[in-house]
Amino acid sequence: MSLSPGDRIRYECTGDDGLPLVRYGFVGGVAGTAGPIVVMLDGELAGDVVNLAEVQPVTVTTVELRLHGADLVDEPALRRGLLSLWHAEADTAGLDIDHLHPMGDGECDRPGGWCLAELQVGAERYVLRAVHTPDEPDVVCIRAERAW
């Protein structure tokens, strides 16, 4: 992965409380092809030096939510709310979603998997999906996948 100063990034780390935390910011500087890099996190004045493996460039497919609670996908009323939660995360990440077409209660496309919306970013089309994660059945992952 090649990052340059000014690139928007997604930084996964552990918060002070020991829980996983996702932050967004910009690359401030790169110390070679293997890192580390300096990131300017949103809402902070100083830069942080982080390992290159802990960051991803912000794209529509890298912005995801992992939420605890299998009922978030199993209950239609809760499933409808997942779209708004993901869209808020995409706004925080700085994504510009051109078109968003909700699919009501979602469409089940496989056991434990639901299509929540169709979206367009630039000329590319994506499907927003909510799925139970195989390794943690109580965790729901909401992310966009390229539409074929």
C-alpha atoms as a PDB file:
ATOM      1  CA  MET A   1       0.000   0.000   0.000  1.00  0.00           C
ATOM      2  CA  SER A   2       1.346   3.380  -0.954  1.00  0.00           C
ATOM      3  CA  LEU A   3       0.235   6.441   0.975  1.00  0.00           C
ATOM      4  CA  SER A   4       1.234  10.038   0.344  1.00  0.00           C
ATOM      5  CA  PRO A   5       0.972  13.151   2.499  1.00  0.00           C
ATOM      6  CA  GLY A   6      -2.592  14.465   2.383  1.00  0.00           C
ATOM      7  CA  ASP A   7      -4.260  11.081   1.787  1.00  0.00           C
ATOM      8  CA  ARG A   8      -7.382  10.460   3.899  1.00  0.00           C
ATOM      9  CA  ILE A   9      -6.934   7.438   6.198  1.00  0.00           C
ATOM     10  CA  ARG A  10      -8.862   5.145   8.512  1.00  0.00           C
ATOM     11  CA  TYR A  11      -6.881   4.257  11.654  1.00  0.00           C
ATOM     12  CA  GLU A  12      -7.821   1.218  13.735  1.00  0.00           C
ATOM     13  CA  CYS A  13      -6.462   1.204  17.271  1.00  0.00           C
ATOM     14  CA  THR A  14      -7.377   0.376  20.854  1.00  0.00           C
ATOM     15  CA  GLY A  15      -8.917   3.123  22.953  1.00  0.00           C
ATOM     16  CA  ASP A  16      -7.936   4.012  26.518  1.00  0.00           C
ATOM     17  CA  ASP A  17     -10.753   1.745  27.721  1.00  0.00           C
ATOM     18  CA  GLY A  18      -9.287  -1.269  25.890  1.00  0.00           C
ATOM     19  CA  LEU A  19     -12.042  -1.366  23.257  1.00  0.00           C
ATOM     20  CA  PRO A  20     -11.447  -1.183  19.497  1.00  0.00           C
ATOM     21  CA  LEU A  21     -11.535   2.351  18.126  1.00  0.00           C
ATOM     22  CA  VAL A  22     -11.646   3.698  14.567  1.00  0.00           C
ATOM     23  CA  ARG A  23     -10.373   7.215  13.884  1.00  0.00           C
ATOM     24  CA  TYR A  24     -10.026   9.212  10.680  1.00  0.00           C
ATOM     25  CA  GLY A  25      -7.430  11.719   9.589  1.00  0.00           C
ATOM     26  CA  PHE A  26      -4.826  12.579   6.987  1.00  0.00           C
ATOM     27  CA  VAL A  27      -1.316  11.383   6.291  1.00  0.00           C
ATOM     28  CA  GLY A  28       1.096  14.053   7.484  1.00  0.00           C
ATOM     29  CA  GLY A  29       4.291  12.327   6.420  1.00  0.00           C
ATOM     30  CA  VAL A  30       5.726   8.948   5.428  1.00  0.00           C
ATOM     31  CA  ALA A  31       9.083   7.634   6.666  1.00  0.00           C
ATOM     32  CA  GLY A  32       9.723   5.204   3.798  1.00  0.00           C
ATOM     33  CA  THR A  33       7.813   2.444   2.041  1.00  0.00           C
ATOM     34  CA  ALA A  34       7.391   0.362   5.211  1.00  0.00           C
ATOM     35  CA  GLY A  35       6.435   3.242   7.502  1.00  0.00           C
ATOM     36  CA  PRO A  36       5.908   4.387  10.146  1.00  0.00           C
ATOM     37  CA  ILE A  37       3.760   7.314   9.125  1.00  0.00           C
ATOM     38  CA  VAL A  38       2.626  10.508  10.781  1.00  0.00           C
ATOM     39  CA  VAL A  39      -1.156  10.943  10.847  1.00  0.00           C
ATOM     40  CA  MET A  40      -3.076  14.081  11.624  1.00  0.00           C
ATOM     41  CA  LEU A  41      -6.217  12.733  13.287  1.00  0.00           C
ATOM     42  CA  ASP A  42      -9.466  14.653  13.044  1.00  0.00           C
ATOM     43  CA  GLY A  43      -9.971  16.910  16.053  1.00  0.00           C
ATOM     44  CA  GLU A  44      -6.339  16.841  17.197  1.00  0.00           C
ATOM     45  CA  LEU A  45      -3.653  19.458  16.723  1.00  0.00           C
ATOM     46  CA  ALA A  46      -0.578  17.233  17.005  1.00  0.00           C
ATOM     47  CA  GLY A  47       0.383  14.365  14.727  1.00  0.00           C
ATOM     48  CA  ASP A  48       0.696  10.745  15.850  1.00  0.00           C
ATOM     49  CA  VAL A  49       3.320   8.308  14.593  1.00  0.00           C
ATOM     50  CA  VAL A  50       1.622   5.017  13.717  1.00  0.00           C
ATOM     51  CA  ASN A  51       2.528   1.716  12.124  1.00  0.00           C
ATOM     52  CA  LEU A  52       1.629   1.571   8.422  1.00  0.00           C
ATOM     53  CA  ALA A  53      -0.240  -1.729   8.994  1.00  0.00           C
ATOM     54  CA  GLU A  54      -2.739   0.058  11.279  1.00  0.00           C
ATOM     55  CA  VAL A  55      -4.092   2.409   8.611  1.00  0.00           C
ATOM     56  CA  GLN A  56      -6.095   2.045   5.423  1.00  0.00           C
ATOM     57  CA  PRO A  57      -6.895   4.610   2.767  1.00  0.00           C
ATOM     58  CA  VAL A  58     -10.492   5.802   3.081  1.00  0.00           C
ATOM     59  CA  THR A  59     -12.611   4.303   0.326  1.00  0.00           C
ATOM     60  CA  VAL A  60     -16.256   3.321   0.198  1.00  0.00           C
ATOM     61  CA  THR A  61     -15.251  -0.340   0.757  1.00  0.00           C
ATOM     62  CA  THR A  62     -12.951   0.288   3.751  1.00  0.00           C
ATOM     63  CA  VAL A  63     -15.505   2.220   5.815  1.00  0.00           C
ATOM     64  CA  GLU A  64     -17.329  -0.364   7.890  1.00  0.00           C
ATOM     65  CA  LEU A  65     -19.182  -0.698  11.157  1.00  0.00           C
ATOM     66  CA  ARG A  66     -18.874  -3.681  13.489  1.00  0.00           C
ATOM     67  CA  LEU A  67     -21.680  -3.721  16.012  1.00  0.00           C
ATOM     68  CA  HIS A  68     -22.544  -6.221  18.732  1.00  0.00           C
ATOM     69  CA  GLY A  69     -26.050  -7.645  18.680  1.00  0.00           C
ATOM     70  CA  ALA A  70     -27.348 -10.297  16.306  1.00  0.00           C
ATOM     71  CA  ASP A  71     -30.823  -8.771  16.604  1.00  0.00           C
ATOM     72  CA  LEU A  72     -29.600  -5.735  14.639  1.00  0.00           C
ATOM     73  CA  VAL A  73     -29.855  -7.847  11.480  1.00  0.00           C
ATOM     74  CA  ASP A  74     -32.585 -10.231  12.579  1.00  0.00           C
ATOM     75  CA  GLU A  75     -35.197  -7.557  13.451  1.00  0.00           C
ATOM     76  CA  PRO A  76     -36.502  -5.534  10.458  1.00  0.00           C
ATOM     77  CA  ALA A  77     -36.975  -2.295  12.449  1.00  0.00           C
ATOM     78  CA  LEU A  78     -33.406  -2.430  13.752  1.00  0.00           C
ATOM     79  CA  ARG A  79     -32.031  -3.465  10.351  1.00  0.00           C
ATOM     80  CA  ARG A  80     -33.507  -0.287   8.780  1.00  0.00           C
ATOM     81  CA  GLY A  81     -31.488   1.803  11.236  1.00  0.00           C
ATOM     82  CA  LEU A  82     -28.188   0.253  10.155  1.00  0.00           C
ATOM     83  CA  LEU A  83     -28.214   2.269   6.940  1.00  0.00           C
ATOM     84  CA  SER A  84     -28.303   5.559   8.866  1.00  0.00           C
ATOM     85  CA  LEU A  85     -25.522   4.418  11.180  1.00  0.00           C
ATOM     86  CA  TRP A  86     -23.271   3.450   8.257  1.00  0.00           C
ATOM     87  CA  HIS A  87     -24.088   6.673   6.412  1.00  0.00           C
ATOM     88  CA  ALA A  88     -23.079   8.691   9.503  1.00  0.00           C
ATOM     89  CA  GLU A  89     -19.791   6.762   9.623  1.00  0.00           C
ATOM     90  CA  ALA A  90     -19.226   7.453   5.911  1.00  0.00           C
ATOM     91  CA  ASP A  91     -19.803  11.178   6.564  1.00  0.00           C
ATOM     92  CA  THR A  92     -17.302  11.084   9.436  1.00  0.00           C
ATOM     93  CA  ALA A  93     -14.802   9.352   7.135  1.00  0.00           C
ATOM     94  CA  GLY A  94     -15.229  12.131   4.581  1.00  0.00           C
ATOM     95  CA  LEU A  95     -16.848  10.064   1.828  1.00  0.00           C
ATOM     96  CA  ASP A  96     -19.020  11.778  -0.731  1.00  0.00           C
ATOM     97  CA  ILE A  97     -21.911   9.445  -1.555  1.00  0.00           C
ATOM     98  CA  ASP A  98     -23.529  10.585  -4.810  1.00  0.00           C
ATOM     99  CA  HIS A  99     -26.709   8.471  -4.696  1.00  0.00           C
ATOM    100  CA  LEU A 100     -28.193   6.313  -1.952  1.00  0.00           C
ATOM    101  CA  HIS A 101     -31.229   4.123  -2.604  1.00  0.00           C
ATOM    102  CA  PRO A 102     -32.497   2.319   0.555  1.00  0.00           C
ATOM    103  CA  MET A 103     -34.039  -1.142   0.177  1.00  0.00           C
ATOM    104  CA  GLY A 104     -36.664  -0.779   2.939  1.00  0.00           C
ATOM    105  CA  ASP A 105     -36.226  -3.608   5.439  1.00  0.00           C
ATOM    106  CA  GLY A 106     -33.411  -5.000   3.294  1.00  0.00           C
ATOM    107  CA  GLU A 107     -33.283  -7.992   1.008  1.00  0.00           C
ATOM    108  CA  CYS A 108     -31.927 -11.261   2.335  1.00  0.00           C
ATOM    109  CA  ASP A 109     -29.400 -12.515  -0.205  1.00  0.00           C
ATOM    110  CA  ARG A 110     -27.899 -15.328   1.879  1.00  0.00           C
ATOM    111  CA  PRO A 111     -28.326 -16.747   5.375  1.00  0.00           C
ATOM    112  CA  GLY A 112     -27.398 -14.004   7.837  1.00  0.00           C
ATOM    113  CA  GLY A 113     -26.751 -11.487   5.024  1.00  0.00           C
ATOM    114  CA  TRP A 114     -28.906  -8.530   4.016  1.00  0.00           C
ATOM    115  CA  CYS A 115     -28.621  -5.917   1.274  1.00  0.00           C
ATOM    116  CA  LEU A 116     -29.614  -2.590   2.841  1.00  0.00           C
ATOM    117  CA  ALA A 117     -29.101  -0.105   0.006  1.00  0.00           C
ATOM    118  CA  GLU A 118     -27.618   0.559  -3.384  1.00  0.00           C
ATOM    119  CA  LEU A 119     -25.203   3.462  -3.575  1.00  0.00           C
ATOM    120  CA  GLN A 120     -23.089   5.249  -6.099  1.00  0.00           C
ATOM    121  CA  VAL A 121     -19.749   6.963  -5.585  1.00  0.00           C
ATOM    122  CA  GLY A 122     -18.485   8.610  -8.738  1.00  0.00           C
ATOM    123  CA  ALA A 123     -19.153   6.226 -11.610  1.00  0.00           C
ATOM    124  CA  GLU A 124     -18.963   3.123  -9.388  1.00  0.00           C
ATOM    125  CA  ARG A 125     -21.995   1.293  -7.979  1.00  0.00           C
ATOM    126  CA  TYR A 126     -22.004  -0.515  -4.622  1.00  0.00           C
ATOM    127  CA  VAL A 127     -24.345  -2.517  -2.430  1.00  0.00           C
ATOM    128  CA  LEU A 128     -24.428  -1.847   1.299  1.00  0.00           C
ATOM    129  CA  ARG A 129     -24.639  -5.167   3.128  1.00  0.00           C
ATOM    130  CA  ALA A 130     -25.097  -6.219   6.740  1.00  0.00           C
ATOM    131  CA  VAL A 131     -23.836  -9.680   7.654  1.00  0.00           C
ATOM    132  CA  HIS A 132     -23.171 -11.752  10.741  1.00  0.00           C
ATOM    133  CA  THR A 133     -19.426 -12.252  11.001  1.00  0.00           C
ATOM    134  CA  PRO A 134     -18.495 -15.960  10.833  1.00  0.00           C
ATOM    135  CA  ASP A 135     -15.937 -15.822  13.662  1.00  0.00           C
ATOM    136  CA  GLU A 136     -18.192 -13.791  15.995  1.00  0.00           C
ATOM    137  CA  PRO A 137     -21.876 -14.674  15.441  1.00  0.00           C
ATOM    138  CA  ASP A 138     -23.078 -11.846  17.725  1.00  0.00           C
ATOM    139  CA  VAL A 139     -21.208  -9.201  15.667  1.00  0.00           C
ATOM    140  CA  VAL A 140     -22.787  -7.553  12.623  1.00  0.00           C
ATOM    141  CA  CYS A 141     -20.577  -5.997   9.948  1.00  0.00           C
ATOM    142  CA  ILE A 142     -22.026  -3.274   7.717  1.00  0.00           C
ATOM    143  CA  ARG A 143     -19.950  -2.386   4.656  1.00  0.00           C
ATOM    144  CA  ALA A 144     -20.239  -1.542   0.970  1.00  0.00           C
ATOM    145  CA  GLU A 145     -19.267  -4.042  -1.703  1.00  0.00           C
ATOM    146  CA  ARG A 146     -18.836  -3.388  -5.389  1.00  0.00           C
ATOM    147  CA  ALA A 147     -21.992  -4.212  -7.371  1.00  0.00           C
ATOM    148  CA  TRP A 148     -21.432  -6.444 -10.372  1.00  0.00           C
END
